[in-house]
């Protein structure tokens, strides 16, 4: 089955369809990003408009999150100043722009 090409909200190309999921935000990156911003799970929940339980369960590896939820969390982190960088051979890393913190 052929799928259509897609450019997501981050400017990355991909393939639309069920098997096209590429997770950027892992539970560990979520915890690290919260740490960079000094946010609690409740702070993130409020910034991302999701429940604290969703964040707790995701970070505790109790279940995966939906793509839309992942996008909401990532957008909240980016609005807070976190930068996600894909490093070839390493995966996604994060940081704050210089001058922050």
N, C-alpha and C. Protein backbone atom coordinates (compact mmCIF):
# COMPACT_ATOMS: atom_id res chain seq x y z
N UNK A 1 0.84 -1.17 0.00
CA UNK A 1 0.00 0.00 0.00
C UNK A 1 0.89 1.24 0.00
N UNK A 2 0.58 2.20 -0.81
CA UNK A 2 1.35 3.44 -0.92
C UNK A 2 0.72 4.51 -0.06
N UNK A 3 1.54 5.26 0.63
CA UNK A 3 1.08 6.36 1.46
C UNK A 3 1.55 7.68 0.87
N UNK A 4 0.87 8.74 1.24
CA UNK A 4 1.23 10.07 0.75
C UNK A 4 2.38 10.64 1.56
N UNK A 5 3.21 11.45 0.92
CA UNK A 5 4.28 12.15 1.64
C UNK A 5 3.65 13.23 2.50
N UNK A 6 4.30 13.55 3.61
CA UNK A 6 3.75 14.51 4.57
C UNK A 6 4.89 15.34 5.14
N UNK A 7 4.61 16.61 5.39
CA UNK A 7 5.54 17.47 6.13
C UNK A 7 4.81 17.84 7.42
N UNK A 8 5.40 17.46 8.56
CA UNK A 8 4.71 17.73 9.83
C UNK A 8 4.94 19.16 10.30
N UNK A 9 4.38 19.49 11.48
CA UNK A 9 4.47 20.86 11.99
C UNK A 9 5.89 21.28 12.33
N UNK A 10 6.83 20.34 12.34
CA UNK A 10 8.22 20.66 12.64
C UNK A 10 9.07 20.75 11.37
N UNK A 11 8.41 20.65 10.19
CA UNK A 11 9.13 20.74 8.93
C UNK A 11 9.83 19.46 8.52
N UNK A 12 9.55 18.36 9.21
CA UNK A 12 10.18 17.09 8.89
C UNK A 12 9.28 16.32 7.93
N UNK A 13 9.90 15.68 6.93
CA UNK A 13 9.11 14.91 5.99
C UNK A 13 8.89 13.51 6.53
N UNK A 14 7.81 12.93 6.08
CA UNK A 14 7.49 11.58 6.51
C UNK A 14 6.46 10.98 5.57
N UNK A 15 5.92 9.86 5.96
CA UNK A 15 4.90 9.17 5.19
C UNK A 15 3.64 9.10 6.04
N UNK A 16 2.52 9.51 5.44
CA UNK A 16 1.26 9.46 6.17
C UNK A 16 0.76 8.03 6.19
N UNK A 17 0.14 7.63 7.29
CA UNK A 17 -0.43 6.30 7.39
C UNK A 17 -0.17 5.70 8.76
N UNK A 18 -0.75 4.56 9.02
CA UNK A 18 -0.69 3.93 10.33
C UNK A 18 0.74 3.63 10.78
N UNK A 19 1.58 3.16 9.89
CA UNK A 19 2.93 2.77 10.28
C UNK A 19 3.92 3.91 10.30
N UNK A 20 3.47 5.14 10.15
CA UNK A 20 4.39 6.26 9.97
C UNK A 20 4.80 6.93 11.27
N UNK A 21 4.53 6.36 12.40
CA UNK A 21 4.79 7.02 13.66
C UNK A 21 6.27 7.03 14.00
N UNK A 22 6.83 8.21 14.17
CA UNK A 22 8.20 8.37 14.63
C UNK A 22 8.13 9.19 15.89
N UNK A 23 8.37 8.55 17.03
CA UNK A 23 8.27 9.25 18.29
C UNK A 23 9.51 10.10 18.49
N UNK A 24 9.30 11.34 18.81
CA UNK A 24 10.38 12.25 19.12
C UNK A 24 10.51 12.38 20.63
N UNK A 25 9.40 12.50 21.30
CA UNK A 25 9.38 12.71 22.74
C UNK A 25 9.29 11.38 23.46
N UNK A 26 10.32 11.05 24.21
CA UNK A 26 10.33 9.83 25.03
C UNK A 26 10.03 10.22 26.47
N UNK A 27 9.70 9.25 27.32
CA UNK A 27 9.48 9.58 28.73
C UNK A 27 10.70 10.28 29.36
N UNK A 28 11.89 9.81 29.03
CA UNK A 28 13.11 10.42 29.59
C UNK A 28 13.29 11.85 29.10
N UNK A 29 13.04 12.10 27.81
CA UNK A 29 13.15 13.47 27.28
C UNK A 29 12.09 14.38 27.90
N UNK A 30 10.93 13.84 28.15
CA UNK A 30 9.86 14.62 28.77
C UNK A 30 10.29 15.06 30.17
N UNK A 31 10.82 14.13 30.96
CA UNK A 31 11.30 14.47 32.30
C UNK A 31 12.45 15.47 32.24
N UNK A 32 13.37 15.27 31.28
CA UNK A 32 14.52 16.17 31.15
C UNK A 32 14.08 17.57 30.75
N UNK A 33 13.14 17.66 29.82
CA UNK A 33 12.65 18.97 29.38
C UNK A 33 11.95 19.69 30.53
N UNK A 34 11.18 18.95 31.32
CA UNK A 34 10.56 19.57 32.50
C UNK A 34 11.62 20.08 33.46
N UNK A 35 12.69 19.30 33.61
CA UNK A 35 13.78 19.71 34.49
C UNK A 35 14.47 20.98 34.02
N UNK A 36 14.67 21.08 32.69
CA UNK A 36 15.29 22.30 32.15
C UNK A 36 14.45 23.54 32.46
N UNK A 37 13.14 23.37 32.43
CA UNK A 37 12.25 24.50 32.67
C UNK A 37 11.84 24.63 34.13
N UNK A 38 12.26 23.67 34.96
CA UNK A 38 11.88 23.63 36.37
C UNK A 38 10.36 23.56 36.51
N UNK A 39 9.73 22.72 35.66
CA UNK A 39 8.30 22.52 35.68
C UNK A 39 7.96 21.21 36.37
N UNK A 40 6.88 21.23 37.13
CA UNK A 40 6.32 20.00 37.69
C UNK A 40 5.46 19.34 36.61
N UNK A 41 4.99 18.14 36.88
CA UNK A 41 4.06 17.51 35.95
C UNK A 41 2.80 18.35 35.81
N UNK A 42 2.36 18.95 36.90
CA UNK A 42 1.16 19.80 36.86
C UNK A 42 1.41 21.04 36.00
N UNK A 43 2.60 21.64 36.13
CA UNK A 43 2.94 22.80 35.28
C UNK A 43 2.84 22.43 33.80
N UNK A 44 3.45 21.29 33.44
CA UNK A 44 3.41 20.85 32.05
C UNK A 44 1.98 20.59 31.61
N UNK A 45 1.21 19.93 32.45
CA UNK A 45 -0.19 19.64 32.12
C UNK A 45 -0.95 20.92 31.81
N UNK A 46 -0.72 21.95 32.61
CA UNK A 46 -1.41 23.22 32.38
C UNK A 46 -0.93 23.90 31.10
N UNK A 47 0.36 23.89 30.84
CA UNK A 47 0.91 24.51 29.63
C UNK A 47 0.47 23.77 28.37
N UNK A 48 0.31 22.46 28.46
CA UNK A 48 -0.01 21.64 27.28
C UNK A 48 -1.50 21.33 27.16
N UNK A 49 -2.28 21.71 28.15
CA UNK A 49 -3.73 21.42 28.15
C UNK A 49 -4.02 19.92 28.08
N UNK A 50 -3.28 19.15 28.88
CA UNK A 50 -3.54 17.72 29.02
C UNK A 50 -3.64 17.43 30.52
N UNK A 51 -4.07 16.23 30.87
CA UNK A 51 -4.19 15.90 32.29
C UNK A 51 -2.83 15.54 32.88
N UNK A 52 -2.70 15.79 34.17
CA UNK A 52 -1.47 15.41 34.86
C UNK A 52 -1.29 13.89 34.82
N UNK A 53 -2.41 13.16 34.88
CA UNK A 53 -2.35 11.70 34.83
C UNK A 53 -1.74 11.20 33.53
N UNK A 54 -2.04 11.87 32.43
CA UNK A 54 -1.45 11.50 31.13
C UNK A 54 0.07 11.62 31.19
N UNK A 55 0.54 12.71 31.76
CA UNK A 55 1.98 12.93 31.86
C UNK A 55 2.61 11.93 32.82
N UNK A 56 1.96 11.73 33.97
CA UNK A 56 2.46 10.77 34.96
C UNK A 56 2.58 9.38 34.35
N UNK A 57 1.53 8.93 33.66
CA UNK A 57 1.54 7.59 33.08
C UNK A 57 2.56 7.47 31.95
N UNK A 58 2.71 8.52 31.13
CA UNK A 58 3.69 8.50 30.05
C UNK A 58 5.11 8.45 30.61
N UNK A 59 5.41 9.34 31.55
CA UNK A 59 6.76 9.36 32.12
C UNK A 59 7.06 8.10 32.91
N UNK A 60 6.05 7.48 33.48
CA UNK A 60 6.23 6.23 34.22
C UNK A 60 6.21 5.01 33.32
N UNK A 61 6.12 5.23 32.01
CA UNK A 61 6.13 4.18 30.99
C UNK A 61 4.96 3.21 31.15
N UNK A 62 3.81 3.74 31.62
CA UNK A 62 2.62 2.90 31.75
C UNK A 62 1.87 2.78 30.44
N UNK A 63 2.01 3.78 29.56
CA UNK A 63 1.41 3.71 28.23
C UNK A 63 2.04 4.76 27.32
N UNK A 64 1.89 4.55 26.02
CA UNK A 64 2.35 5.51 25.02
C UNK A 64 1.36 6.67 24.98
N UNK A 65 1.76 7.76 24.35
CA UNK A 65 0.83 8.87 24.18
C UNK A 65 0.46 8.99 22.70
N UNK A 66 -0.69 9.57 22.45
CA UNK A 66 -1.15 9.80 21.08
C UNK A 66 -0.27 10.87 20.42
N UNK A 67 -0.23 10.84 19.11
CA UNK A 67 0.54 11.83 18.36
C UNK A 67 0.12 13.26 18.70
N UNK A 68 -1.18 13.47 18.82
CA UNK A 68 -1.68 14.82 19.12
C UNK A 68 -1.21 15.27 20.50
N UNK A 69 -1.21 14.36 21.46
CA UNK A 69 -0.73 14.70 22.80
C UNK A 69 0.75 14.99 22.79
N UNK A 70 1.50 14.19 22.05
CA UNK A 70 2.94 14.41 21.92
C UNK A 70 3.20 15.80 21.33
N UNK A 71 2.42 16.17 20.32
CA UNK A 71 2.59 17.48 19.70
C UNK A 71 2.26 18.60 20.68
N UNK A 72 1.22 18.41 21.51
CA UNK A 72 0.86 19.42 22.52
C UNK A 72 1.99 19.59 23.54
N UNK A 73 2.55 18.47 24.00
CA UNK A 73 3.64 18.53 24.98
C UNK A 73 4.86 19.21 24.38
N UNK A 74 5.19 18.81 23.17
CA UNK A 74 6.38 19.40 22.53
C UNK A 74 6.19 20.89 22.29
N UNK A 75 5.01 21.30 21.86
CA UNK A 75 4.73 22.71 21.64
C UNK A 75 4.84 23.49 22.95
N UNK A 76 4.33 22.93 24.03
CA UNK A 76 4.43 23.59 25.34
C UNK A 76 5.90 23.76 25.73
N UNK A 77 6.71 22.72 25.53
CA UNK A 77 8.13 22.82 25.84
C UNK A 77 8.81 23.88 24.97
N UNK A 78 8.49 23.88 23.69
CA UNK A 78 9.11 24.85 22.78
C UNK A 78 8.71 26.28 23.14
N UNK A 79 7.46 26.49 23.52
CA UNK A 79 7.03 27.83 23.96
C UNK A 79 7.74 28.22 25.24
N UNK A 80 8.10 27.22 26.06
CA UNK A 80 8.84 27.48 27.28
C UNK A 80 10.32 27.74 27.03
N UNK A 81 10.78 27.47 25.80
CA UNK A 81 12.17 27.74 25.45
C UNK A 81 13.03 26.53 25.17
N UNK A 82 12.50 25.33 25.32
CA UNK A 82 13.28 24.12 25.04
C UNK A 82 13.44 23.96 23.54
N UNK A 83 14.64 23.57 23.12
CA UNK A 83 14.94 23.32 21.71
C UNK A 83 15.21 21.83 21.55
N UNK A 84 14.49 21.20 20.61
CA UNK A 84 14.70 19.79 20.28
C UNK A 84 15.59 19.72 19.06
N UNK A 85 16.67 18.94 19.14
CA UNK A 85 17.63 18.84 18.04
C UNK A 85 17.84 17.37 17.73
N UNK A 86 17.69 17.00 16.45
CA UNK A 86 17.94 15.63 16.03
C UNK A 86 19.42 15.52 15.68
N UNK A 87 20.15 14.70 16.43
CA UNK A 87 21.58 14.51 16.22
C UNK A 87 21.79 13.17 15.53
N UNK A 88 22.37 13.22 14.33
CA UNK A 88 22.60 12.02 13.52
C UNK A 88 23.31 10.95 14.34
N UNK A 89 22.72 9.76 14.37
CA UNK A 89 23.33 8.63 15.06
C UNK A 89 23.09 8.61 16.56
N UNK A 90 22.55 9.68 17.11
CA UNK A 90 22.32 9.75 18.55
C UNK A 90 20.84 9.78 18.88
N UNK A 91 20.06 10.49 18.09
CA UNK A 91 18.64 10.65 18.36
C UNK A 91 18.33 12.09 18.71
N UNK A 92 17.21 12.28 19.35
CA UNK A 92 16.77 13.62 19.70
C UNK A 92 17.41 14.06 21.01
N UNK A 93 17.98 15.25 21.02
CA UNK A 93 18.56 15.86 22.20
C UNK A 93 17.82 17.16 22.46
N UNK A 94 17.98 17.71 23.62
CA UNK A 94 17.31 18.98 23.92
C UNK A 94 18.21 19.91 24.69
N UNK A 95 17.85 21.17 24.65
CA UNK A 95 18.60 22.18 25.36
C UNK A 95 17.84 23.49 25.38
N UNK A 96 18.47 24.48 25.97
CA UNK A 96 17.92 25.83 26.00
C UNK A 96 18.83 26.72 25.19
N UNK A 97 18.27 27.70 24.49
CA UNK A 97 19.12 28.63 23.75
C UNK A 97 20.08 29.34 24.70
N UNK A 98 21.23 29.76 24.20
CA UNK A 98 22.18 30.46 25.06
C UNK A 98 21.54 31.74 25.60
N UNK A 99 21.90 32.08 26.80
CA UNK A 99 21.32 33.25 27.44
C UNK A 99 20.12 32.92 28.29
N UNK A 100 19.60 31.70 28.19
CA UNK A 100 18.45 31.28 28.99
C UNK A 100 18.94 30.61 30.25
N UNK A 101 18.17 30.75 31.28
CA UNK A 101 18.36 30.06 32.56
C UNK A 101 19.19 30.83 33.50
